[in-house]
PDB file of N, CA and C in Angstrom:
ATOM      1  N   MET A   1     105.234 147.699  78.445  1.00  0.00           N
ATOM      2  CA  MET A   1     104.776 146.274  78.672  1.00  0.00           C
ATOM      3  C   MET A   1     103.916 146.157  80.036  1.00  0.00           C
ATOM      4  N   ARG A   2     102.814 145.555  79.981  1.00  0.00           N
ATOM      5  CA  ARG A   2     102.062 145.650  81.113  1.00  0.00           C
ATOM      6  C   ARG A   2     102.299 144.235  81.862  1.00  0.00           C
ATOM      7  N   ARG A   3     102.382 144.324  83.219  1.00  0.00           N
ATOM      8  CA  ARG A   3     102.667 143.271  84.104  1.00  0.00           C
ATOM      9  C   ARG A   3     101.421 142.491  84.364  1.00  0.00           C
ATOM     10  N   GLN A   4     101.463 141.158  84.007  1.00  0.00           N
ATOM     11  CA  GLN A   4     100.126 140.306  84.240  1.00  0.00           C
ATOM     12  C   GLN A   4     100.231 139.990  85.678  1.00  0.00           C
ATOM     13  N   VAL A   5      98.921 140.186  86.310  1.00  0.00           N
ATOM     14  CA  VAL A   5      98.736 139.773  87.782  1.00  0.00           C
ATOM     15  C   VAL A   5      97.937 138.705  87.783  1.00  0.00           C
ATOM     16  N   PHE A   6      98.268 137.558  88.534  1.00  0.00           N
ATOM     17  CA  PHE A   6      97.417 136.430  88.664  1.00  0.00           C
ATOM     18  C   PHE A   6      96.681 136.568  89.887  1.00  0.00           C
ATOM     19  N   ARG A   7      95.223 136.388  89.817  1.00  0.00           N
ATOM     20  CA  ARG A   7      94.451 136.290  90.983  1.00  0.00           C
ATOM     21  C   ARG A   7      93.915 135.011  91.222  1.00  0.00           C
ATOM     22  N   PRO A   8      93.917 134.524  92.359  1.00  0.00           N
ATOM     23  CA  PRO A   8      93.373 133.179  92.628  1.00  0.00           C
ATOM     24  C   PRO A   8      91.820 133.174  92.312  1.00  0.00           C
ATOM     25  N   THR A   9      91.420 131.967  91.739  1.00  0.00           N
ATOM     26  CA  THR A   9      90.051 131.918  91.325  1.00  0.00           C
ATOM     27  C   THR A   9      89.261 131.382  92.573  1.00  0.00           C
ATOM     28  N   PRO A  10      88.029 131.707  92.648  1.00  0.00           N
ATOM     29  CA  PRO A  10      87.275 131.263  93.807  1.00  0.00           C
ATOM     30  C   PRO A  10      86.971 129.673  93.703  1.00  0.00           C
ATOM     31  N   VAL A  11      87.022 129.011  94.857  1.00  0.00           N
ATOM     32  CA  VAL A  11      86.808 127.612  94.877  1.00  0.00           C
ATOM     33  C   VAL A  11      85.232 127.478  94.898  1.00  0.00           C
ATOM     34  N   ARG A  12      84.930 126.613  93.871  1.00  0.00           N
ATOM     35  CA  ARG A  12      83.328 126.213  93.665  1.00  0.00           C
ATOM     36  C   ARG A  12      83.265 125.005  94.557  1.00  0.00           C
ATOM     37  N   SER A  13      82.117 124.842  95.139  1.00  0.00           N
ATOM     38  CA  SER A  13      81.762 123.624  95.968  1.00  0.00           C
ATOM     39  C   SER A  13      81.262 122.619  94.994  1.00  0.00           C
ATOM     40  N   GLN A  14      81.690 121.377  95.234  1.00  0.00           N
ATOM     41  CA  GLN A  14      81.286 120.249  94.430  1.00  0.00           C
ATOM     42  C   GLN A  14      79.883 119.798  94.644  1.00  0.00           C
ATOM     43  N   PRO A  15      79.195 119.566  93.595  1.00  0.00           N
ATOM     44  CA  PRO A  15      77.748 119.004  93.931  1.00  0.00           C
ATOM     45  C   PRO A  15      77.819 117.615  94.495  1.00  0.00           C
ATOM     46  N   LYS A  16      76.965 117.352  95.347  1.00  0.00           N
ATOM     47  CA  LYS A  16      76.783 116.060  95.828  1.00  0.00           C
ATOM     48  C   LYS A  16      76.354 115.064  94.921  1.00  0.00           C
ATOM     49  N   ILE A  17      76.904 113.880  94.825  1.00  0.00           N
ATOM     50  CA  ILE A  17      76.475 112.881  93.916  1.00  0.00           C
ATOM     51  C   ILE A  17      75.472 111.931  94.601  1.00  0.00           C
ATOM     52  N   LYS A  18      74.371 111.850  93.808  1.00  0.00           N
ATOM     53  CA  LYS A  18      73.258 110.984  94.354  1.00  0.00           C
ATOM     54  C   LYS A  18      73.468 109.484  93.994  1.00  0.00           C
ATOM     55  N   SER A  19      73.170 108.613  94.987  1.00  0.00           N
ATOM     56  CA  SER A  19      73.423 107.219  94.617  1.00  0.00           C
ATOM     57  C   SER A  19      72.255 106.862  93.674  1.00  0.00           C
ATOM     58  N   PRO A  20      72.550 106.002  92.855  1.00  0.00           N
ATOM     59  CA  PRO A  20      71.383 105.529  91.851  1.00  0.00           C
ATOM     60  C   PRO A  20      70.432 104.539  92.513  1.00  0.00           C
ATOM     61  N   LEU A  21      70.884 103.872  93.681  1.00  0.00           N
ATOM     62  CA  LEU A  21      69.931 102.846  94.169  1.00  0.00           C
ATOM     63  C   LEU A  21      69.390 103.367  95.552  1.00  0.00           C
ATOM     64  N   PRO A  22      68.086 103.216  95.743  1.00  0.00           N
ATOM     65  CA  PRO A  22      67.493 103.860  96.999  1.00  0.00           C
ATOM     66  C   PRO A  22      68.134 103.142  98.316  1.00  0.00           C
ATOM     67  N   SER A  23      68.556 101.864  98.193  1.00  0.00           N
ATOM     68  CA  SER A  23      69.139 101.196  99.401  1.00  0.00           C
ATOM     69  C   SER A  23      70.477 101.655  99.716  1.00  0.00           C
ATOM     70  N   GLN A  24      71.111 102.683  98.769  1.00  0.00           N
ATOM     71  CA  GLN A  24      72.605 103.023  99.083  1.00  0.00           C
ATOM     72  C   GLN A  24      72.443 104.539  99.623  1.00  0.00           C
ATOM     73  N   ARG A  25      71.328 105.124  99.540  1.00  0.00           N
ATOM     74  CA  ARG A  25      71.157 106.518 100.065  1.00  0.00           C
ATOM     75  C   ARG A  25      71.163 106.602 101.547  1.00  0.00           C
ATOM     76  N   THR A  26      71.864 107.663 101.995  1.00  0.00           N
ATOM     77  CA  THR A  26      71.774 107.842 103.471  1.00  0.00           C
ATOM     78  C   THR A  26      71.531 109.273 103.660  1.00  0.00           C
ATOM     79  N   THR A  27      70.982 109.478 104.915  1.00  0.00           N
ATOM     80  CA  THR A  27      70.656 110.889 105.175  1.00  0.00           C
ATOM     81  C   THR A  27      71.752 111.387 106.116  1.00  0.00           C
ATOM     82  N   GLU A  28      71.745 112.783 106.265  1.00  0.00           N
ATOM     83  CA  GLU A  28      72.713 113.458 107.038  1.00  0.00           C
ATOM     84  C   GLU A  28      72.546 113.057 108.610  1.00  0.00           C
ATOM     85  N   SER A  29      71.345 112.650 108.947  1.00  0.00           N
ATOM     86  CA  SER A  29      71.120 112.496 110.424  1.00  0.00           C
ATOM     87  C   SER A  29      71.512 111.004 110.679  1.00  0.00           C
ATOM     88  N   GLU A  30      71.749 110.063 109.762  1.00  0.00           N
ATOM     89  CA  GLU A  30      72.062 108.841 110.136  1.00  0.00           C
ATOM     90  C   GLU A  30      73.542 108.651 110.579  1.00  0.00           C
ATOM     91  N   PRO A  31      73.838 108.097 111.752  1.00  0.00           N
ATOM     92  CA  PRO A  31      75.146 107.880 112.163  1.00  0.00           C
ATOM     93  C   PRO A  31      75.918 106.901 111.269  1.00  0.00           C
ATOM     94  N   SER A  32      77.065 107.142 111.016  1.00  0.00           N
ATOM     95  CA  SER A  32      77.907 106.273 110.249  1.00  0.00           C
ATOM     96  C   SER A  32      78.353 105.070 111.212  1.00  0.00           C
ATOM     97  N   SER A  33      78.007 103.924 110.720  1.00  0.00           N
ATOM     98  CA  SER A  33      78.401 102.685 111.554  1.00  0.00           C
ATOM     99  C   SER A  33      79.346 101.668 110.812  1.00  0.00           C
ATOM    100  N   HIS A  34      80.187 102.299 110.031  1.00  0.00           N
ATOM    101  CA  HIS A  34      81.174 101.474 109.194  1.00  0.00           C
ATOM    102  C   HIS A  34      82.088 100.855 109.995  1.00  0.00           C
ATOM    103  N   SER A  35      82.479 101.327 111.232  1.00  0.00           N
ATOM    104  CA  SER A  35      83.691 100.718 111.839  1.00  0.00           C
ATOM    105  C   SER A  35      83.333  99.276 112.450  1.00  0.00           C
ATOM    106  N   HIS A  36      82.192  98.955 112.709  1.00  0.00           N
ATOM    107  CA  HIS A  36      82.031  97.609 113.280  1.00  0.00           C
ATOM    108  C   HIS A  36      81.116  96.754 112.419  1.00  0.00           C
ATOM    109  N   VAL A  37      80.815  97.245 111.157  1.00  0.00           N
ATOM    110  CA  VAL A  37      79.941  96.474 110.276  1.00  0.00           C
ATOM    111  C   VAL A  37      80.765  95.447 109.435  1.00  0.00           C
ATOM    112  N   GLN A  38      80.423  94.243 109.234  1.00  0.00           N
ATOM    113  CA  GLN A  38      81.120  93.472 108.372  1.00  0.00           C
ATOM    114  C   GLN A  38      80.448  93.643 107.033  1.00  0.00           C
ATOM    115  N   THR A  39      81.268  93.721 105.969  1.00  0.00           N
ATOM    116  CA  THR A  39      80.919  94.106 104.533  1.00  0.00           C
ATOM    117  C   THR A  39      80.834  92.711 104.033  1.00  0.00           C
ATOM    118  N   ARG A  40      79.672  92.395 103.446  1.00  0.00           N
ATOM    119  CA  ARG A  40      79.266  91.214 102.733  1.00  0.00           C
ATOM    120  C   ARG A  40      79.939  89.935 103.290  1.00  0.00           C
ATOM    121  N   GLY A  41      79.817  89.768 104.539  1.00  0.00           N
ATOM    122  CA  GLY A  41      80.314  88.651 105.259  1.00  0.00           C
ATOM    123  C   GLY A  41      81.779  88.480 105.472  1.00  0.00           C
ATOM    124  N   MET A  42      82.526  89.583 105.129  1.00  0.00           N
ATOM    125  CA  MET A  42      83.932  89.519 105.114  1.00  0.00           C
ATOM    126  C   MET A  42      84.339  90.114 106.780  1.00  0.00           C
ATOM    127  N   ARG A  43      85.332  89.649 107.165  1.00  0.00           N
ATOM    128  CA  ARG A  43      85.874  90.042 108.428  1.00  0.00           C
ATOM    129  C   ARG A  43      86.999  90.880 108.377  1.00  0.00           C
ATOM    130  N   ASN A  44      87.245  91.868 109.255  1.00  0.00           N
ATOM    131  CA  ASN A  44      88.352  92.774 109.223  1.00  0.00           C
ATOM    132  C   ASN A  44      89.684  91.944 109.536  1.00  0.00           C
ATOM    133  N   LYS A  45      90.594  91.835 108.670  1.00  0.00           N
ATOM    134  CA  LYS A  45      91.922  91.120 108.868  1.00  0.00           C
ATOM    135  C   LYS A  45      92.974  92.037 109.330  1.00  0.00           C
ATOM    136  N   VAL A  46      92.735  93.283 109.349  1.00  0.00           N
ATOM    137  CA  VAL A  46      93.894  94.261 109.456  1.00  0.00           C
ATOM    138  C   VAL A  46      94.510  94.065 110.858  1.00  0.00           C
ATOM    139  N   PRO A  47      93.813  94.026 111.943  1.00  0.00           N
ATOM    140  CA  PRO A  47      94.557  93.767 113.233  1.00  0.00           C
ATOM    141  C   PRO A  47      95.445  92.475 113.161  1.00  0.00           C
ATOM    142  N   GLU A  48      95.055  91.528 112.635  1.00  0.00           N
ATOM    143  CA  GLU A  48      95.852  90.238 112.551  1.00  0.00           C
ATOM    144  C   GLU A  48      97.058  90.494 111.625  1.00  0.00           C
ATOM    145  N   LEU A  49      96.872  91.183 110.563  1.00  0.00           N
ATOM    146  CA  LEU A  49      98.049  91.374 109.699  1.00  0.00           C
ATOM    147  C   LEU A  49      99.062  92.397 110.223  1.00  0.00           C
ATOM    148  N   GLN A  50      98.506  93.277 110.956  1.00  0.00           N
ATOM    149  CA  GLN A  50      99.328  94.298 111.595  1.00  0.00           C
ATOM    150  C   GLN A  50     100.340  93.702 112.582  1.00  0.00           C
ATOM    151  N   LYS A  51      99.746  92.719 113.466  1.00  0.00           N
ATOM    152  CA  LYS A  51     100.576  91.855 114.494  1.00  0.00           C
ATOM    153  C   LYS A  51     101.594  91.032 113.710  1.00  0.00           C
ATOM    154  N   LEU A  52     101.136  90.467 112.504  1.00  0.00           N
ATOM    155  CA  LEU A  52     102.218  89.596 111.709  1.00  0.00           C
ATOM    156  C   LEU A  52     103.288  90.427 111.214  1.00  0.00           C
ATOM    157  N   PHE A  53     102.901  91.596 110.469  1.00  0.00           N
ATOM    158  CA  PHE A  53     104.008  92.470 109.951  1.00  0.00           C
ATOM    159  C   PHE A  53     104.867  93.130 111.019  1.00  0.00           C
ATOM    160  N   GLN A  54     104.361  93.466 112.186  1.00  0.00           N
ATOM    161  CA  GLN A  54     105.145  94.204 113.138  1.00  0.00           C
ATOM    162  C   GLN A  54     105.898  93.356 114.040  1.00  0.00           C
ATOM    163  N   LYS A  55     105.767  92.073 113.935  1.00  0.00           N
ATOM    164  CA  LYS A  55     106.573  91.044 114.815  1.00  0.00           C
ATOM    165  C   LYS A  55     108.002  91.173 114.452  1.00  0.00           C
ATOM    166  N   GLU A  56     108.913  91.177 115.468  1.00  0.00           N
ATOM    167  CA  GLU A  56     110.345  91.123 115.373  1.00  0.00           C
ATOM    168  C   GLU A  56     110.830  89.733 115.116  1.00  0.00           C
ATOM    169  N   ASP A  57     110.869  89.219 113.973  1.00  0.00           N
ATOM    170  CA  ASP A  57     111.365  87.840 113.759  1.00  0.00           C
ATOM    171  C   ASP A  57     112.494  87.618 112.884  1.00  0.00           C
ATOM    172  N   GLY A  58     112.983  88.874 112.473  1.00  0.00           N
ATOM    173  CA  GLY A  58     114.043  88.779 111.447  1.00  0.00           C
ATOM    174  C   GLY A  58     113.957  88.588 110.027  1.00  0.00           C
ATOM    175  N   VAL A  59     112.450  88.359 109.722  1.00  0.00           N
ATOM    176  CA  VAL A  59     112.042  88.044 108.297  1.00  0.00           C
ATOM    177  C   VAL A  59     111.775  89.445 107.736  1.00  0.00           C
ATOM    178  N   PRO A  60     112.210  89.681 106.512  1.00  0.00           N
ATOM    179  CA  PRO A  60     111.827  90.808 105.689  1.00  0.00           C
ATOM    180  C   PRO A  60     110.283  90.965 105.612  1.00  0.00           C
ATOM    181  N   VAL A  61     109.928  92.253 105.489  1.00  0.00           N
ATOM    182  CA  VAL A  61     108.357  92.478 105.395  1.00  0.00           C
ATOM    183  C   VAL A  61     107.819  91.760 104.075  1.00  0.00           C
ATOM    184  N   HIS A  62     108.571  91.854 102.932  1.00  0.00           N
ATOM    185  CA  HIS A  62     108.083  91.252 101.755  1.00  0.00           C
ATOM    186  C   HIS A  62     107.974  89.755 101.653  1.00  0.00           C
ATOM    187  N   LEU A  63     108.461  89.103 102.746  1.00  0.00           N
ATOM    188  CA  LEU A  63     108.425  87.738 102.929  1.00  0.00           C
ATOM    189  C   LEU A  63     107.607  87.181 104.035  1.00  0.00           C
ATOM    190  N   LYS A  64     106.864  88.024 104.798  1.00  0.00           N
ATOM    191  CA  LYS A  64     106.285  87.703 106.041  1.00  0.00           C
ATOM    192  C   LYS A  64     105.158  86.616 105.822  1.00  0.00           C
ATOM    193  N   LEU A  65     104.497  86.745 104.603  1.00  0.00           N
ATOM    194  CA  LEU A  65     103.387  85.803 104.436  1.00  0.00           C
ATOM    195  C   LEU A  65     103.790  84.304 104.080  1.00  0.00           C
ATOM    196  N   GLY A  66     104.984  84.005 104.031  1.00  0.00           N
ATOM    197  CA  GLY A  66     105.484  82.567 103.883  1.00  0.00           C
ATOM    198  C   GLY A  66     105.578  82.357 102.423  1.00  0.00           C
ATOM    199  N   LEU A  67     105.224  81.007 102.100  1.00  0.00           N
ATOM    200  CA  LEU A  67     105.602  80.405 100.677  1.00  0.00           C
ATOM    201  C   LEU A  67     105.120  81.313  99.560  1.00  0.00           C
ATOM    202  N   PRO A  68     103.850  81.701  99.548  1.00  0.00           N
ATOM    203  CA  PRO A  68     103.411  82.525  98.348  1.00  0.00           C
ATOM    204  C   PRO A  68     104.365  83.747  98.070  1.00  0.00           C
ATOM    205  N   ASP A  69     104.837  84.516  99.192  1.00  0.00           N
ATOM    206  CA  ASP A  69     105.715  85.701  99.007  1.00  0.00           C
ATOM    207  C   ASP A  69     107.011  85.226  98.621  1.00  0.00           C
ATOM    208  N   GLU A  70     107.536  84.011  98.886  1.00  0.00           N
ATOM    209  CA  GLU A  70     108.870  83.601  98.566  1.00  0.00           C
ATOM    210  C   GLU A  70     108.776  83.166  97.108  1.00  0.00           C
ATOM    211  N   VAL A  71     107.813  82.486  96.699  1.00  0.00           N
ATOM    212  CA  VAL A  71     107.638  82.135  95.231  1.00  0.00           C
ATOM    213  C   VAL A  71     107.558  83.397  94.536  1.00  0.00           C
ATOM    214  N   LEU A  72     106.744  84.330  94.788  1.00  0.00           N
ATOM    215  CA  LEU A  72     106.648  85.582  94.025  1.00  0.00           C
ATOM    216  C   LEU A  72     107.954  86.357  94.001  1.00  0.00           C
ATOM    217  N   TYR A  73     108.610  86.346  95.093  1.00  0.00           N
ATOM    218  CA  TYR A  73     109.783  87.116  95.125  1.00  0.00           C
ATOM    219  C   TYR A  73     110.961  86.447  94.276  1.00  0.00           C
ATOM    220  N   ARG A  74     110.996  85.133  94.283  1.00  0.00           N
ATOM    221  CA  ARG A  74     112.014  84.485  93.424  1.00  0.00           C
ATOM    222  C   ARG A  74     111.613  84.520  91.976  1.00  0.00           C
ATOM    223  N   THR A  75     110.298  84.417  91.609  1.00  0.00           N
ATOM    224  CA  THR A  75     109.923  84.466  90.297  1.00  0.00           C
ATOM    225  C   THR A  75     110.311  85.899  89.745  1.00  0.00           C
ATOM    226  N   THR A  76     110.013  86.885  90.567  1.00  0.00           N
ATOM    227  CA  THR A  76     110.377  88.361  90.115  1.00  0.00           C
ATOM    228  C   THR A  76     111.957  88.458  89.896  1.00  0.00           C
ATOM    229  N   MET A  77     112.532  87.949  90.795  1.00  0.00           N
ATOM    230  CA  MET A  77     114.102  88.090  90.671  1.00  0.00           C
ATOM    231  C   MET A  77     114.588  87.299  89.365  1.00  0.00           C
ATOM    232  N   ALA A  78     114.009  86.141  89.174  1.00  0.00           N
ATOM    233  CA  ALA A  78     114.424  85.400  87.956  1.00  0.00           C
ATOM    234  C   ALA A  78     114.084  86.168  86.682  1.00  0.00           C
ATOM    235  N   LEU A  79     112.775  86.699  86.629  1.00  0.00           N
ATOM    236  CA  LEU A  79     112.538  87.400  85.488  1.00  0.00           C
ATOM    237  C   LEU A  79     113.288  88.683  85.249  1.00  0.00           C
ATOM    238  N   THR A  80     113.591  89.247  86.282  1.00  0.00           N
ATOM    239  CA  THR A  80     114.496  90.471  86.152  1.00  0.00           C
ATOM    240  C   THR A  80     115.848  90.263  85.839  1.00  0.00           C
ATOM    241  N   LEU A  81     116.475  89.167  86.352  1.00  0.00           N
ATOM    242  CA  LEU A  81     117.778  88.862  85.763  1.00  0.00           C
ATOM    243  C   LEU A  81     117.815  88.334  84.492  1.00  0.00           C
ATOM    244  N   GLY A  82     116.791  87.599  83.952  1.00  0.00           N
ATOM    245  CA  GLY A  82     116.562  87.174  82.667  1.00  0.00           C
ATOM    246  C   GLY A  82     116.333  88.289  81.713  1.00  0.00           C
ATOM    247  N   GLY A  83     115.694  89.368  82.104  1.00  0.00           N
ATOM    248  CA  GLY A  83     115.354  90.553  81.278  1.00  0.00           C
ATOM    249  C   GLY A  83     116.827  91.309  81.034  1.00  0.00           C
ATOM    250  N   ILE A  84     117.579  91.432  82.260  1.00  0.00           N
ATOM    251  CA  ILE A  84     118.874  92.111  82.150  1.00  0.00           C
ATOM    252  C   ILE A  84     119.774  91.396  81.273  1.00  0.00           C
ATOM    253  N   LEU A  85     119.821  89.969  81.419  1.00  0.00           N
ATOM    254  CA  LEU A  85     120.595  89.245  80.463  1.00  0.00           C
ATOM    255  C   LEU A  85     120.182  89.341  78.964  1.00  0.00           C
ATOM    256  N   TYR A  86     119.001  89.411  78.853  1.00  0.00           N
ATOM    257  CA  TYR A  86     118.402  89.606  77.489  1.00  0.00           C
ATOM    258  C   TYR A  86     118.873  90.937  76.692  1.00  0.00           C
ATOM    259  N   VAL A  87     118.983  91.964  77.575  1.00  0.00           N
ATOM    260  CA  VAL A  87     119.238  93.361  77.165  1.00  0.00           C
ATOM    261  C   VAL A  87     120.706  93.288  76.766  1.00  0.00           C
ATOM    262  N   PHE A  88     121.612  92.623  77.609  1.00  0.00           N
ATOM    263  CA  PHE A  88     123.035  92.545  77.285  1.00  0.00           C
ATOM    264  C   PHE A  88     123.199  91.852  76.035  1.00  0.00           C
ATOM    265  N   VAL A  89     122.596  90.806  75.804  1.00  0.00           N
ATOM    266  CA  VAL A  89     122.648  89.907  74.613  1.00  0.00           C
ATOM    267  C   VAL A  89     122.190  90.798  73.403  1.00  0.00           C
ATOM    268  N   ALA A  90     121.119  91.414  73.435  1.00  0.00           N
ATOM    269  CA  ALA A  90     120.742  92.359  72.278  1.00  0.00           C
ATOM    270  C   ALA A  90     121.585  93.391  71.942  1.00  0.00           C
ATOM    271  N   LEU A  91     122.098  94.006  73.000  1.00  0.00           N
ATOM    272  CA  LEU A  91     123.132  95.015  72.847  1.00  0.00           C
ATOM    273  C   LEU A  91     124.325  94.418  72.126  1.00  0.00           C
ATOM    274  N   TYR A  92     124.883  93.232  72.493  1.00  0.00           N
ATOM    275  CA  TYR A  92     125.946  92.776  71.871  1.00  0.00           C
ATOM    276  C   TYR A  92     125.633  92.357  70.402  1.00  0.00           C
ATOM    277  N   LYS A  93     124.471  91.766  70.141  1.00  0.00           N
ATOM    278  CA  LYS A  93     124.227  91.422  68.794  1.00  0.00           C
ATOM    279  C   LYS A  93     124.124  92.542  67.974  1.00  0.00           C
ATOM    280  N   SER A  94     123.510  93.642  68.506  1.00  0.00           N
ATOM    281  CA  SER A  94     123.506  94.971  67.669  1.00  0.00           C
ATOM    282  C   SER A  94     124.762  95.573  67.440  1.00  0.00           C
ATOM    283  N   MET A  95     125.653  95.357  68.353  1.00  0.00           N
ATOM    284  CA  MET A  95     126.900  95.840  68.151  1.00  0.00           C
ATOM    285  C   MET A  95     127.718  95.243  67.131  1.00  0.00           C
ATOM    286  N   ARG A  96     127.523  93.993  66.878  1.00  0.00           N
ATOM    287  CA  ARG A  96     128.361  93.153  65.996  1.00  0.00           C
ATOM    288  C   ARG A  96     127.846  93.265  64.594  1.00  0.00           C
ATOM    289  N   THR A  97     126.643  93.685  64.363  1.00  0.00           N
ATOM    290  CA  THR A  97     126.019  93.716  62.927  1.00  0.00           C
ATOM    291  C   THR A  97     126.241  95.043  62.462  1.00  0.00           C
TER     292      THR A  97
END
């Protein structure tokens, strides 16, 4: 019986994908200026959110944004408990028949 030897296959370079729109094409010599450019009029909220989430105020991270987070959390818990209750009721009914 011959022993099979596995050899690594050579890694092929991926072809560069060309952008279909001329306005989206960039050249290699163009400097990337994504760090300070606003995208479509949106501002960077990351520094503000980092300060909010890293603040030591005793509030859990999943509730830091206030009322919307609390409503989402309570709804999720209610649906989870309702689902667990439904499973037990279904098991009980299937056990009796």
